[in-house]
Amino acid sequence: MRTKLSAGLWLVLAGVPAWAHHSFSAEFDEKKVVNLVGTVTLMEWVNPHTWIHVAVKSPDGAVTTWMIEGNTPNSLLRAGFTRKSLEPGTEIAVQGFQAKSGDNKASGSAIMFRDGRLLSLGSAREGSQKALLDWVSSDESVWRKVASEQARGESR
């Protein structure tokens, strides 16, 4: 009896990490591509996914905080991130896929820095490659738009 109870408890506990981890399609919508320009407020290096908090300023001056989900900390380190890559105050442009709930949360695809460097966050959904390539090819226009908005006092 004790062996059956231990085996049953082991099976339940072994399934907890799989149950706690979500699939992309359960939480995010690959048809809702978001392109955000903002300032990093916090970078959380936690498992199973990193989280980047970004303050995005709208044209009317309102600031909205977005949470961007990245890959695992280890995967981001292998992709070229360091703990200093996204310090508070860093200006970035992020492309990702918005949460199905409509919350200000997205699964990040790529980050672009002001100097043009690109880093992958690990979310590459089927059909998203064209959107990502179009976005990358427009990197100069992304920052030109930001500079123009800043000059008019409308920075995002």
C-alpha atoms as a PDB file:
ATOM      1  CA  MET A   1       0.000   0.000   0.000  1.00  0.00           C
ATOM      2  CA  ARG A   2       2.780   2.379   0.961  1.00  0.00           C
ATOM      3  CA  THR A   3       4.599   1.665  -2.340  1.00  0.00           C
ATOM      4  CA  LYS A   4       1.439   2.415  -4.351  1.00  0.00           C
ATOM      5  CA  LEU A   5       0.936   5.662  -2.451  1.00  0.00           C
ATOM      6  CA  SER A   6       4.553   6.694  -3.026  1.00  0.00           C
ATOM      7  CA  ALA A   7       4.335   5.807  -6.720  1.00  0.00           C
ATOM      8  CA  GLY A   8       1.074   7.736  -7.092  1.00  0.00           C
ATOM      9  CA  LEU A   9       2.491  10.781  -5.328  1.00  0.00           C
ATOM     10  CA  TRP A  10       5.618  10.626  -7.507  1.00  0.00           C
ATOM     11  CA  LEU A  11       3.508  10.565 -10.689  1.00  0.00           C
ATOM     12  CA  VAL A  12       1.472  13.563  -9.555  1.00  0.00           C
ATOM     13  CA  LEU A  13       4.556  15.579  -8.588  1.00  0.00           C
ATOM     14  CA  ALA A  14       6.419  14.641 -11.770  1.00  0.00           C
ATOM     15  CA  GLY A  15       3.569  16.105 -13.816  1.00  0.00           C
ATOM     16  CA  VAL A  16       3.527  19.474 -12.023  1.00  0.00           C
ATOM     17  CA  PRO A  17       6.322  21.135 -14.058  1.00  0.00           C
ATOM     18  CA  ALA A  18       4.726  20.053 -17.338  1.00  0.00           C
ATOM     19  CA  TRP A  19       1.332  21.303 -16.179  1.00  0.00           C
ATOM     20  CA  ALA A  20       2.773  24.599 -14.928  1.00  0.00           C
ATOM     21  CA  HIS A  21       4.564  25.293 -18.212  1.00  0.00           C
ATOM     22  CA  HIS A  22       2.344  26.631 -20.988  1.00  0.00           C
ATOM     23  CA  SER A  23       2.520  26.282 -24.728  1.00  0.00           C
ATOM     24  CA  PHE A  24       2.874  29.352 -26.951  1.00  0.00           C
ATOM     25  CA  SER A  25      -0.520  28.819 -28.593  1.00  0.00           C
ATOM     26  CA  ALA A  26      -2.270  28.498 -25.239  1.00  0.00           C
ATOM     27  CA  GLU A  27      -1.304  32.015 -24.206  1.00  0.00           C
ATOM     28  CA  PHE A  28      -0.206  34.042 -27.245  1.00  0.00           C
ATOM     29  CA  ASP A  29      -1.746  34.840 -30.635  1.00  0.00           C
ATOM     30  CA  GLU A  30       0.634  34.525 -33.592  1.00  0.00           C
ATOM     31  CA  LYS A  31      -1.699  36.751 -35.623  1.00  0.00           C
ATOM     32  CA  LYS A  32      -1.305  39.657 -33.166  1.00  0.00           C
ATOM     33  CA  VAL A  33       2.202  40.905 -33.953  1.00  0.00           C
ATOM     34  CA  VAL A  34       3.215  43.854 -31.788  1.00  0.00           C
ATOM     35  CA  ASN A  35       6.086  46.262 -32.409  1.00  0.00           C
ATOM     36  CA  LEU A  36       6.919  48.255 -29.309  1.00  0.00           C
ATOM     37  CA  VAL A  37       9.485  50.973 -28.691  1.00  0.00           C
ATOM     38  CA  GLY A  38      10.235  51.794 -25.088  1.00  0.00           C
ATOM     39  CA  THR A  39      12.569  51.788 -22.131  1.00  0.00           C
ATOM     40  CA  VAL A  40      13.479  48.757 -20.047  1.00  0.00           C
ATOM     41  CA  THR A  41      12.312  49.109 -16.452  1.00  0.00           C
ATOM     42  CA  LEU A  42      13.165  45.602 -15.217  1.00  0.00           C
ATOM     43  CA  MET A  43      14.714  42.385 -16.525  1.00  0.00           C
ATOM     44  CA  GLU A  44      13.780  39.206 -14.654  1.00  0.00           C
ATOM     45  CA  TRP A  45      16.211  36.310 -15.180  1.00  0.00           C
ATOM     46  CA  VAL A  46      13.850  33.592 -13.935  1.00  0.00           C
ATOM     47  CA  ASN A  47      12.989  30.096 -15.116  1.00  0.00           C
ATOM     48  CA  PRO A  48      11.248  28.835 -17.132  1.00  0.00           C
ATOM     49  CA  HIS A  49      11.151  32.149 -19.087  1.00  0.00           C
ATOM     50  CA  THR A  50      12.785  35.528 -18.694  1.00  0.00           C
ATOM     51  CA  TRP A  51      10.572  38.618 -18.454  1.00  0.00           C
ATOM     52  CA  ILE A  52      11.448  42.075 -19.719  1.00  0.00           C
ATOM     53  CA  HIS A  53       9.337  44.950 -18.435  1.00  0.00           C
ATOM     54  CA  VAL A  54       9.193  47.830 -20.915  1.00  0.00           C
ATOM     55  CA  ALA A  55       7.647  51.293 -20.446  1.00  0.00           C
ATOM     56  CA  VAL A  56       6.037  52.288 -23.749  1.00  0.00           C
ATOM     57  CA  LYS A  57       4.925  55.892 -24.183  1.00  0.00           C
ATOM     58  CA  SER A  58       1.894  56.476 -26.414  1.00  0.00           C
ATOM     59  CA  PRO A  59       1.565  59.562 -28.656  1.00  0.00           C
ATOM     60  CA  ASP A  60      -0.636  61.215 -26.006  1.00  0.00           C
ATOM     61  CA  GLY A  61       2.124  60.797 -23.398  1.00  0.00           C
ATOM     62  CA  ALA A  62       0.530  57.978 -21.404  1.00  0.00           C
ATOM     63  CA  VAL A  63       3.014  55.297 -20.326  1.00  0.00           C
ATOM     64  CA  THR A  64       2.005  51.655 -20.438  1.00  0.00           C
ATOM     65  CA  THR A  65       4.139  48.858 -19.043  1.00  0.00           C
ATOM     66  CA  TRP A  66       4.437  45.760 -21.193  1.00  0.00           C
ATOM     67  CA  MET A  67       5.750  42.389 -20.042  1.00  0.00           C
ATOM     68  CA  ILE A  68       7.768  40.620 -22.727  1.00  0.00           C
ATOM     69  CA  GLU A  69       8.378  36.907 -22.300  1.00  0.00           C
ATOM     70  CA  GLY A  70      11.748  35.671 -23.512  1.00  0.00           C
ATOM     71  CA  ASN A  71      13.346  32.270 -23.753  1.00  0.00           C
ATOM     72  CA  THR A  72      15.073  30.593 -20.810  1.00  0.00           C
ATOM     73  CA  PRO A  73      17.930  32.511 -19.156  1.00  0.00           C
ATOM     74  CA  ASN A  74      20.448  29.941 -20.418  1.00  0.00           C
ATOM     75  CA  SER A  75      19.171  30.212 -23.997  1.00  0.00           C
ATOM     76  CA  LEU A  76      19.383  34.008 -23.924  1.00  0.00           C
ATOM     77  CA  LEU A  77      22.937  33.880 -22.579  1.00  0.00           C
ATOM     78  CA  ARG A  78      23.892  31.551 -25.460  1.00  0.00           C
ATOM     79  CA  ALA A  79      22.209  33.955 -27.914  1.00  0.00           C
ATOM     80  CA  GLY A  80      24.439  36.821 -26.799  1.00  0.00           C
ATOM     81  CA  PHE A  81      22.576  38.432 -23.910  1.00  0.00           C
ATOM     82  CA  THR A  82      24.404  39.287 -20.714  1.00  0.00           C
ATOM     83  CA  ARG A  83      23.005  40.442 -17.399  1.00  0.00           C
ATOM     84  CA  LYS A  84      23.947  43.980 -18.483  1.00  0.00           C
ATOM     85  CA  SER A  85      22.265  43.818 -21.921  1.00  0.00           C
ATOM     86  CA  LEU A  86      18.920  45.082 -20.675  1.00  0.00           C
ATOM     87  CA  GLU A  87      19.579  47.305 -17.698  1.00  0.00           C
ATOM     88  CA  PRO A  88      16.853  49.756 -16.627  1.00  0.00           C
ATOM     89  CA  GLY A  89      16.841  52.777 -18.913  1.00  0.00           C
ATOM     90  CA  THR A  90      17.945  50.873 -22.042  1.00  0.00           C
ATOM     91  CA  GLU A  91      15.947  51.965 -25.093  1.00  0.00           C
ATOM     92  CA  ILE A  92      14.762  49.048 -27.197  1.00  0.00           C
ATOM     93  CA  ALA A  93      12.343  48.114 -29.934  1.00  0.00           C
ATOM     94  CA  VAL A  94      10.657  44.745 -29.441  1.00  0.00           C
ATOM     95  CA  GLN A  95       8.690  42.588 -31.806  1.00  0.00           C
ATOM     96  CA  GLY A  96       6.505  39.857 -30.413  1.00  0.00           C
ATOM     97  CA  PHE A  97       3.087  38.272 -30.235  1.00  0.00           C
ATOM     98  CA  GLN A  98       0.434  39.684 -27.913  1.00  0.00           C
ATOM     99  CA  ALA A  99      -1.313  37.616 -25.274  1.00  0.00           C
ATOM    100  CA  LYS A 100      -4.688  36.205 -26.325  1.00  0.00           C
ATOM    101  CA  SER A 101      -6.166  37.882 -23.248  1.00  0.00           C
ATOM    102  CA  GLY A 102      -5.376  41.300 -24.741  1.00  0.00           C
ATOM    103  CA  ASP A 103      -3.205  42.166 -21.730  1.00  0.00           C
ATOM    104  CA  ASN A 104      -0.034  44.202 -22.223  1.00  0.00           C
ATOM    105  CA  LYS A 105       1.962  41.007 -22.390  1.00  0.00           C
ATOM    106  CA  ALA A 106       3.751  39.474 -25.368  1.00  0.00           C
ATOM    107  CA  SER A 107       5.981  36.582 -26.293  1.00  0.00           C
ATOM    108  CA  GLY A 108       9.084  38.310 -27.606  1.00  0.00           C
ATOM    109  CA  SER A 109      10.606  37.455 -30.948  1.00  0.00           C
ATOM    110  CA  ALA A 110      13.478  39.923 -31.241  1.00  0.00           C
ATOM    111  CA  ILE A 111      14.914  43.017 -29.628  1.00  0.00           C
ATOM    112  CA  MET A 112      16.605  45.817 -31.519  1.00  0.00           C
ATOM    113  CA  PHE A 113      18.893  48.275 -29.776  1.00  0.00           C
ATOM    114  CA  ARG A 114      19.350  51.878 -30.827  1.00  0.00           C
ATOM    115  CA  ASP A 115      22.720  51.010 -32.397  1.00  0.00           C
ATOM    116  CA  GLY A 116      21.000  48.475 -34.678  1.00  0.00           C
ATOM    117  CA  ARG A 117      22.072  45.314 -32.839  1.00  0.00           C
ATOM    118  CA  LEU A 118      19.458  42.582 -32.904  1.00  0.00           C
ATOM    119  CA  LEU A 119      19.046  39.819 -30.359  1.00  0.00           C
ATOM    120  CA  SER A 120      16.592  36.955 -30.624  1.00  0.00           C
ATOM    121  CA  LEU A 121      14.269  36.268 -27.712  1.00  0.00           C
ATOM    122  CA  GLY A 122      13.426  32.830 -29.030  1.00  0.00           C
ATOM    123  CA  SER A 123       9.794  33.071 -30.134  1.00  0.00           C
ATOM    124  CA  ALA A 124       9.671  32.246 -33.837  1.00  0.00           C
ATOM    125  CA  ARG A 125       6.189  31.166 -34.835  1.00  0.00           C
ATOM    126  CA  GLU A 126       5.290  29.725 -38.208  1.00  0.00           C
ATOM    127  CA  GLY A 127       4.539  32.570 -40.587  1.00  0.00           C
ATOM    128  CA  SER A 128       6.299  35.097 -38.393  1.00  0.00           C
ATOM    129  CA  GLN A 129       9.598  35.050 -40.283  1.00  0.00           C
ATOM    130  CA  LYS A 130       8.327  37.443 -42.975  1.00  0.00           C
ATOM    131  CA  ALA A 131       7.034  39.859 -40.345  1.00  0.00           C
ATOM    132  CA  LEU A 132      10.357  39.678 -38.521  1.00  0.00           C
ATOM    133  CA  LEU A 133      12.387  40.204 -41.704  1.00  0.00           C
ATOM    134  CA  ASP A 134      10.180  43.147 -42.723  1.00  0.00           C
ATOM    135  CA  TRP A 135      10.642  44.629 -39.258  1.00  0.00           C
ATOM    136  CA  VAL A 136      14.422  44.137 -39.308  1.00  0.00           C
ATOM    137  CA  SER A 137      14.698  45.742 -42.750  1.00  0.00           C
ATOM    138  CA  SER A 138      12.827  48.764 -41.425  1.00  0.00           C
ATOM    139  CA  ASP A 139      15.086  49.233 -38.393  1.00  0.00           C
ATOM    140  CA  GLU A 140      16.284  52.645 -39.509  1.00  0.00           C
ATOM    141  CA  SER A 141      12.714  53.822 -39.958  1.00  0.00           C
ATOM    142  CA  VAL A 142      11.823  52.576 -36.459  1.00  0.00           C
ATOM    143  CA  TRP A 143      14.445  54.827 -34.890  1.00  0.00           C
ATOM    144  CA  ARG A 144      13.761  57.705 -37.317  1.00  0.00           C
ATOM    145  CA  LYS A 145      10.133  57.582 -36.184  1.00  0.00           C
ATOM    146  CA  VAL A 146      11.200  57.618 -32.516  1.00  0.00           C
ATOM    147  CA  ALA A 147      13.528  60.586 -33.134  1.00  0.00           C
ATOM    148  CA  SER A 148      10.746  62.439 -34.944  1.00  0.00           C
ATOM    149  CA  GLU A 149       8.288  61.777 -32.109  1.00  0.00           C
ATOM    150  CA  GLN A 150      10.880  62.882 -29.538  1.00  0.00           C
ATOM    151  CA  ALA A 151      11.443  66.105 -31.450  1.00  0.00           C
ATOM    152  CA  ARG A 152       7.682  66.750 -31.322  1.00  0.00           C
ATOM    153  CA  GLY A 153       7.545  65.663 -27.652  1.00  0.00           C
ATOM    154  CA  GLU A 154       5.606  62.480 -28.454  1.00  0.00           C
ATOM    155  CA  SER A 155       8.250  59.791 -27.814  1.00  0.00           C
ATOM    156  CA  ARG A 156       7.061  56.254 -27.236  1.00  0.00           C
END
